[in-house]
Amino acid sequence: VKKTHYDARHNCFAYSVGLSEKQVR
């Protein structure tokens, strides 16, 4: 997404990965 929108001011994100034990960032 950052490559697609290389000219944007910000590309902010969050994720939640894992079903039994999730990792977030």
PDB file of all heavy atoms in Angstrom:
ATOM      1  N   VAL A   1       0.843  -1.207   0.000  1.00  0.00           N
ATOM      2  CA  VAL A   1       0.000   0.000   0.000  1.00  0.00           C
ATOM      3  C   VAL A   1       0.877   1.255   0.000  1.00  0.00           C
ATOM      4  O   VAL A   1       0.593   2.231  -0.697  1.00  0.00           O
ATOM      5  CB  VAL A   1      -0.947   0.000   1.220  1.00  0.00           C
ATOM      6  CG1 VAL A   1      -1.693   1.345   1.321  1.00  0.00           C
ATOM      7  CG2 VAL A   1      -1.943  -1.139   1.123  1.00  0.00           C
ATOM      8  N   LYS A   2       1.966   1.209   0.759  1.00  0.00           N
ATOM      9  CA  LYS A   2       2.888   2.353   0.784  1.00  0.00           C
ATOM     10  C   LYS A   2       3.482   2.614  -0.599  1.00  0.00           C
ATOM     11  O   LYS A   2       3.690   3.770  -0.992  1.00  0.00           O
ATOM     12  CB  LYS A   2       4.003   2.103   1.804  1.00  0.00           C
ATOM     13  CG  LYS A   2       3.550   2.239   3.248  1.00  0.00           C
ATOM     14  CD  LYS A   2       4.719   2.073   4.210  1.00  0.00           C
ATOM     15  CE  LYS A   2       4.290   2.327   5.640  1.00  0.00           C
ATOM     16  NZ  LYS A   2       5.418   2.209   6.596  1.00  0.00           N
ATOM     17  N   LYS A   3       3.767   1.531  -1.336  1.00  0.00           N
ATOM     18  CA  LYS A   3       4.301   1.707  -2.694  1.00  0.00           C
ATOM     19  C   LYS A   3       3.244   2.290  -3.625  1.00  0.00           C
ATOM     20  O   LYS A   3       3.534   3.150  -4.465  1.00  0.00           O
ATOM     21  CB  LYS A   3       4.801   0.361  -3.227  1.00  0.00           C
ATOM     22  CG  LYS A   3       6.096  -0.105  -2.589  1.00  0.00           C
ATOM     23  CD  LYS A   3       6.544  -1.441  -3.164  1.00  0.00           C
ATOM     24  CE  LYS A   3       7.832  -1.916  -2.500  1.00  0.00           C
ATOM     25  NZ  LYS A   3       8.254  -3.252  -2.987  1.00  0.00           N
ATOM     26  N   THR A   4       2.007   1.808  -3.466  1.00  0.00           N
ATOM     27  CA  THR A   4       0.922   2.312  -4.307  1.00  0.00           C
ATOM     28  C   THR A   4       0.668   3.793  -4.040  1.00  0.00           C
ATOM     29  O   THR A   4       0.469   4.590  -4.958  1.00  0.00           O
ATOM     30  CB  THR A   4      -0.374   1.512  -4.046  1.00  0.00           C
ATOM     31  OG1 THR A   4      -0.150   0.137  -4.360  1.00  0.00           O
ATOM     32  CG2 THR A   4      -1.525   2.045  -4.895  1.00  0.00           C
ATOM     33  N   HIS A   5       0.686   4.153  -2.760  1.00  0.00           N
ATOM     34  CA  HIS A   5       0.416   5.541  -2.354  1.00  0.00           C
ATOM     35  C   HIS A   5       1.706   6.203  -1.868  1.00  0.00           C
ATOM     36  O   HIS A   5       1.736   6.819  -0.793  1.00  0.00           O
ATOM     37  CB  HIS A   5      -0.653   5.564  -1.264  1.00  0.00           C
ATOM     38  CG  HIS A   5      -1.989   5.052  -1.701  1.00  0.00           C
ATOM     39  ND1 HIS A   5      -2.808   5.739  -2.575  1.00  0.00           N
ATOM     40  CD2 HIS A   5      -2.646   3.908  -1.394  1.00  0.00           C
ATOM     41  CE1 HIS A   5      -3.921   5.045  -2.782  1.00  0.00           C
ATOM     42  NE2 HIS A   5      -3.848   3.937  -2.076  1.00  0.00           N
ATOM     43  N   TYR A   6       2.750   6.090  -2.681  1.00  0.00           N
ATOM     44  CA  TYR A   6       4.058   6.634  -2.304  1.00  0.00           C
ATOM     45  C   TYR A   6       4.030   8.152  -2.124  1.00  0.00           C
ATOM     46  O   TYR A   6       4.874   8.729  -1.426  1.00  0.00           O
ATOM     47  CB  TYR A   6       5.099   6.261  -3.369  1.00  0.00           C
ATOM     48  CG  TYR A   6       4.840   6.902  -4.706  1.00  0.00           C
ATOM     49  CD1 TYR A   6       5.391   8.140  -5.039  1.00  0.00           C
ATOM     50  CD2 TYR A   6       4.002   6.286  -5.639  1.00  0.00           C
ATOM     51  CE1 TYR A   6       5.124   8.745  -6.266  1.00  0.00           C
ATOM     52  CE2 TYR A   6       3.734   6.877  -6.858  1.00  0.00           C
ATOM     53  CZ  TYR A   6       4.296   8.103  -7.172  1.00  0.00           C
ATOM     54  OH  TYR A   6       4.029   8.704  -8.381  1.00  0.00           O
ATOM     55  N   ASP A   7       3.057   8.807  -2.769  1.00  0.00           N
ATOM     56  CA  ASP A   7       2.987  10.272  -2.717  1.00  0.00           C
ATOM     57  C   ASP A   7       2.066  10.774  -1.599  1.00  0.00           C
ATOM     58  O   ASP A   7       1.844  11.982  -1.483  1.00  0.00           O
ATOM     59  CB  ASP A   7       2.502  10.811  -4.065  1.00  0.00           C
ATOM     60  CG  ASP A   7       1.174  10.205  -4.511  1.00  0.00           C
ATOM     61  OD1 ASP A   7       0.797   9.124  -3.988  1.00  0.00           O
ATOM     62  OD2 ASP A   7       0.512  10.792  -5.384  1.00  0.00           O
ATOM     63  N   ALA A   8       1.547   9.838  -0.767  1.00  0.00           N
ATOM     64  CA  ALA A   8       0.662  10.249   0.326  1.00  0.00           C
ATOM     65  C   ALA A   8       1.480  10.752   1.507  1.00  0.00           C
ATOM     66  O   ALA A   8       2.643  10.385   1.684  1.00  0.00           O
ATOM     67  CB  ALA A   8      -0.217   9.080   0.752  1.00  0.00           C
ATOM     68  N   ARG A   9       0.843  11.567   2.343  1.00  0.00           N
ATOM     69  CA  ARG A   9       1.521  12.099   3.525  1.00  0.00           C
ATOM     70  C   ARG A   9       1.729  10.995   4.570  1.00  0.00           C
ATOM     71  O   ARG A   9       2.775  10.917   5.211  1.00  0.00           O
ATOM     72  CB  ARG A   9       0.690  13.241   4.115  1.00  0.00           C
ATOM     73  CG  ARG A   9       1.256  13.876   5.383  1.00  0.00           C
ATOM     74  CD  ARG A   9       2.522  14.686   5.139  1.00  0.00           C
ATOM     75  NE  ARG A   9       2.265  15.863   4.334  1.00  0.00           N
ATOM     76  CZ  ARG A   9       1.962  17.065   4.836  1.00  0.00           C
ATOM     77  NH1 ARG A   9       1.886  17.230   6.155  1.00  0.00           N
ATOM     78  NH2 ARG A   9       1.760  18.098   4.043  1.00  0.00           N
ATOM     79  N   HIS A  10       0.722  10.144   4.751  1.00  0.00           N
ATOM     80  CA  HIS A  10       0.804   9.096   5.780  1.00  0.00           C
ATOM     81  C   HIS A  10       0.122   7.818   5.298  1.00  0.00           C
ATOM     82  O   HIS A  10      -0.900   7.863   4.607  1.00  0.00           O
ATOM     83  CB  HIS A  10       0.111   9.538   7.074  1.00  0.00           C
ATOM     84  CG  HIS A  10       0.600  10.848   7.608  1.00  0.00           C
ATOM     85  ND1 HIS A  10       1.778  10.981   8.303  1.00  0.00           N
ATOM     86  CD2 HIS A  10       0.042  12.088   7.545  1.00  0.00           C
ATOM     87  CE1 HIS A  10       1.939  12.247   8.642  1.00  0.00           C
ATOM     88  NE2 HIS A  10       0.906  12.947   8.194  1.00  0.00           N
ATOM     89  N   ASN A  11       0.685   6.678   5.696  1.00  0.00           N
ATOM     90  CA  ASN A  11       0.050   5.368   5.507  1.00  0.00           C
ATOM     91  C   ASN A  11       0.071   4.676   6.876  1.00  0.00           C
ATOM     92  O   ASN A  11       1.045   4.020   7.244  1.00  0.00           O
ATOM     93  CB  ASN A  11       0.804   4.529   4.480  1.00  0.00           C
ATOM     94  CG  ASN A  11       0.605   5.011   3.054  1.00  0.00           C
ATOM     95  OD1 ASN A  11      -0.438   4.792   2.450  1.00  0.00           O
ATOM     96  ND2 ASN A  11       1.621   5.700   2.511  1.00  0.00           N
ATOM     97  N   CYS A  12      -0.995   4.869   7.620  1.00  0.00           N
ATOM     98  CA  CYS A  12      -1.074   4.349   8.989  1.00  0.00           C
ATOM     99  C   CYS A  12      -1.785   2.985   8.969  1.00  0.00           C
ATOM    100  O   CYS A  12      -2.626   2.736   8.117  1.00  0.00           O
ATOM    101  CB  CYS A  12      -1.829   5.322   9.882  1.00  0.00           C
ATOM    102  SG  CYS A  12      -1.157   7.006   9.799  1.00  0.00           S
ATOM    103  N   PHE A  13      -1.428   2.124   9.924  1.00  0.00           N
ATOM    104  CA  PHE A  13      -2.009   0.789   9.878  1.00  0.00           C
ATOM    105  C   PHE A  13      -2.153   0.176  11.266  1.00  0.00           C
ATOM    106  O   PHE A  13      -1.580   0.641  12.252  1.00  0.00           O
ATOM    107  CB  PHE A  13      -1.150  -0.139   9.009  1.00  0.00           C
ATOM    108  CG  PHE A  13       0.184  -0.519   9.626  1.00  0.00           C
ATOM    109  CD1 PHE A  13       0.288  -1.618  10.472  1.00  0.00           C
ATOM    110  CD2 PHE A  13       1.326   0.219   9.361  1.00  0.00           C
ATOM    111  CE1 PHE A  13       1.507  -1.960  11.050  1.00  0.00           C
ATOM    112  CE2 PHE A  13       2.552  -0.117   9.922  1.00  0.00           C
ATOM    113  CZ  PHE A  13       2.635  -1.213  10.779  1.00  0.00           C
ATOM    114  N   ALA A  14      -2.909  -0.917  11.283  1.00  0.00           N
ATOM    115  CA  ALA A  14      -3.001  -1.779  12.464  1.00  0.00           C
ATOM    116  C   ALA A  14      -3.345  -3.171  11.970  1.00  0.00           C
ATOM    117  O   ALA A  14      -4.000  -3.334  10.934  1.00  0.00           O
ATOM    118  CB  ALA A  14      -4.062  -1.285  13.439  1.00  0.00           C
ATOM    119  N   TYR A  15      -2.886  -4.171  12.711  1.00  0.00           N
ATOM    120  CA  TYR A  15      -3.269  -5.546  12.365  1.00  0.00           C
ATOM    121  C   TYR A  15      -3.503  -6.369  13.617  1.00  0.00           C
ATOM    122  O   TYR A  15      -3.031  -6.050  14.706  1.00  0.00           O
ATOM    123  CB  TYR A  15      -2.237  -6.211  11.451  1.00  0.00           C
ATOM    124  CG  TYR A  15      -0.845  -6.435  12.029  1.00  0.00           C
ATOM    125  CD1 TYR A  15      -0.614  -7.343  13.074  1.00  0.00           C
ATOM    126  CD2 TYR A  15       0.256  -5.766  11.500  1.00  0.00           C
ATOM    127  CE1 TYR A  15       0.664  -7.547  13.573  1.00  0.00           C
ATOM    128  CE2 TYR A  15       1.543  -5.970  11.997  1.00  0.00           C
ATOM    129  CZ  TYR A  15       1.731  -6.868  13.039  1.00  0.00           C
ATOM    130  OH  TYR A  15       2.990  -7.082  13.541  1.00  0.00           O
ATOM    131  N   SER A  16      -4.271  -7.438  13.421  1.00  0.00           N
ATOM    132  CA  SER A  16      -4.491  -8.455  14.448  1.00  0.00           C
ATOM    133  C   SER A  16      -4.363  -9.798  13.752  1.00  0.00           C
ATOM    134  O   SER A  16      -5.168 -10.142  12.874  1.00  0.00           O
ATOM    135  CB  SER A  16      -5.882  -8.309  15.081  1.00  0.00           C
ATOM    136  OG  SER A  16      -6.106  -9.340  16.023  1.00  0.00           O
ATOM    137  N   VAL A  17      -3.340 -10.547  14.106  1.00  0.00           N
ATOM    138  CA  VAL A  17      -3.024 -11.809  13.430  1.00  0.00           C
ATOM    139  C   VAL A  17      -3.042 -12.945  14.439  1.00  0.00           C
ATOM    140  O   VAL A  17      -2.467 -12.835  15.524  1.00  0.00           O
ATOM    141  CB  VAL A  17      -1.646 -11.734  12.749  1.00  0.00           C
ATOM    142  CG1 VAL A  17      -1.272 -13.070  12.137  1.00  0.00           C
ATOM    143  CG2 VAL A  17      -1.630 -10.649  11.677  1.00  0.00           C
ATOM    144  N   GLY A  18      -3.678 -14.041  14.068  1.00  0.00           N
ATOM    145  CA  GLY A  18      -3.725 -15.212  14.933  1.00  0.00           C
ATOM    146  C   GLY A  18      -5.117 -15.408  15.499  1.00  0.00           C
ATOM    147  O   GLY A  18      -5.803 -14.436  15.840  1.00  0.00           O
ATOM    148  N   LEU A  19      -5.541 -16.668  15.598  1.00  0.00           N
ATOM    149  CA  LEU A  19      -6.864 -16.957  16.132  1.00  0.00           C
ATOM    150  C   LEU A  19      -6.805 -17.338  17.608  1.00  0.00           C
ATOM    151  O   LEU A  19      -7.450 -16.721  18.442  1.00  0.00           O
ATOM    152  CB  LEU A  19      -7.518 -18.078  15.312  1.00  0.00           C
ATOM    153  CG  LEU A  19      -7.825 -17.701  13.859  1.00  0.00           C
ATOM    154  CD1 LEU A  19      -8.326 -18.901  13.084  1.00  0.00           C
ATOM    155  CD2 LEU A  19      -8.859 -16.574  13.795  1.00  0.00           C
ATOM    156  N   SER A  20      -5.994 -18.331  17.951  1.00  0.00           N
ATOM    157  CA  SER A  20      -5.923 -18.730  19.351  1.00  0.00           C
ATOM    158  C   SER A  20      -5.080 -17.757  20.166  1.00  0.00           C
ATOM    159  O   SER A  20      -5.426 -17.396  21.289  1.00  0.00           O
ATOM    160  CB  SER A  20      -5.357 -20.145  19.472  1.00  0.00           C
ATOM    161  OG  SER A  20      -4.091 -20.243  18.847  1.00  0.00           O
ATOM    162  N   GLU A  21      -3.963 -17.320  19.598  1.00  0.00           N
ATOM    163  CA  GLU A  21      -3.110 -16.331  20.263  1.00  0.00           C
ATOM    164  C   GLU A  21      -2.834 -15.206  19.262  1.00  0.00           C
ATOM    165  O   GLU A  21      -2.046 -15.379  18.349  1.00  0.00           O
ATOM    166  CB  GLU A  21      -1.798 -16.966  20.725  1.00  0.00           C
ATOM    167  CG  GLU A  21      -1.979 -18.004  21.812  1.00  0.00           C
ATOM    168  CD  GLU A  21      -0.657 -18.577  22.288  1.00  0.00           C
ATOM    169  OE1 GLU A  21       0.402 -18.080  21.837  1.00  0.00           O
ATOM    170  OE2 GLU A  21      -0.678 -19.514  23.106  1.00  0.00           O
ATOM    171  N   LYS A  22      -3.485 -14.086  19.439  1.00  0.00           N
ATOM    172  CA  LYS A  22      -3.359 -13.017  18.461  1.00  0.00           C
ATOM    173  C   LYS A  22      -2.163 -12.116  18.746  1.00  0.00           C
ATOM    174  O   LYS A  22      -1.769 -11.913  19.894  1.00  0.00           O
ATOM    175  CB  LYS A  22      -4.645 -12.192  18.397  1.00  0.00           C
ATOM    176  CG  LYS A  22      -4.987 -11.436  19.663  1.00  0.00           C
ATOM    177  CD  LYS A  22      -6.291 -10.665  19.479  1.00  0.00           C
ATOM    178  CE  LYS A  22      -6.645  -9.897  20.742  1.00  0.00           C
ATOM    179  NZ  LYS A  22      -7.906  -9.141  20.589  1.00  0.00           N
ATOM    180  N   GLN A  23      -1.589 -11.609  17.667  1.00  0.00           N
ATOM    181  CA  GLN A  23      -0.525 -10.612  17.742  1.00  0.00           C
ATOM    182  C   GLN A  23      -1.062  -9.324  17.119  1.00  0.00           C
ATOM    183  O   GLN A  23      -1.638  -9.362  16.039  1.00  0.00           O
ATOM    184  CB  GLN A  23       0.711 -11.075  16.965  1.00  0.00           C
ATOM    185  CG  GLN A  23       1.323 -12.371  17.474  1.00  0.00           C
ATOM    186  CD  GLN A  23       2.540 -12.749  16.652  1.00  0.00           C
ATOM    187  OE1 GLN A  23       3.578 -12.100  16.705  1.00  0.00           O
ATOM    188  NE2 GLN A  23       2.413 -13.813  15.876  1.00  0.00           N
ATOM    189  N   VAL A  24      -0.862  -8.210  17.809  1.00  0.00           N
ATOM    190  CA  VAL A  24      -1.357  -6.934  17.297  1.00  0.00           C
ATOM    191  C   VAL A  24      -0.213  -5.939  17.211  1.00  0.00           C
ATOM    192  O   VAL A  24       0.767  -6.026  17.947  1.00  0.00           O
ATOM    193  CB  VAL A  24      -2.500  -6.360  18.167  1.00  0.00           C
ATOM    194  CG1 VAL A  24      -3.677  -7.313  18.231  1.00  0.00           C
ATOM    195  CG2 VAL A  24      -2.004  -6.026  19.567  1.00  0.00           C
ATOM    196  N   ARG A  25      -0.366  -5.008  16.283  1.00  0.00           N
ATOM    197  CA  ARG A  25       0.603  -3.923  16.145  1.00  0.00           C
ATOM    198  C   ARG A  25      -0.095  -2.770  15.434  1.00  0.00           C
ATOM    199  O   ARG A  25      -1.027  -2.992  14.648  1.00  0.00           O
ATOM    200  CB  ARG A  25       1.809  -4.386  15.320  1.00  0.00           C
ATOM    201  CG  ARG A  25       2.888  -3.304  15.141  1.00  0.00           C
ATOM    202  CD  ARG A  25       3.998  -3.758  14.219  1.00  0.00           C
ATOM    203  NE  ARG A  25       4.858  -2.647  13.838  1.00  0.00           N
ATOM    204  CZ  ARG A  25       5.763  -2.714  12.868  1.00  0.00           C
ATOM    205  NH1 ARG A  25       5.960  -3.827  12.206  1.00  0.00           N
ATOM    206  NH2 ARG A  25       6.489  -1.646  12.563  1.00  0.00           N
TER     207      ARG A  25
END
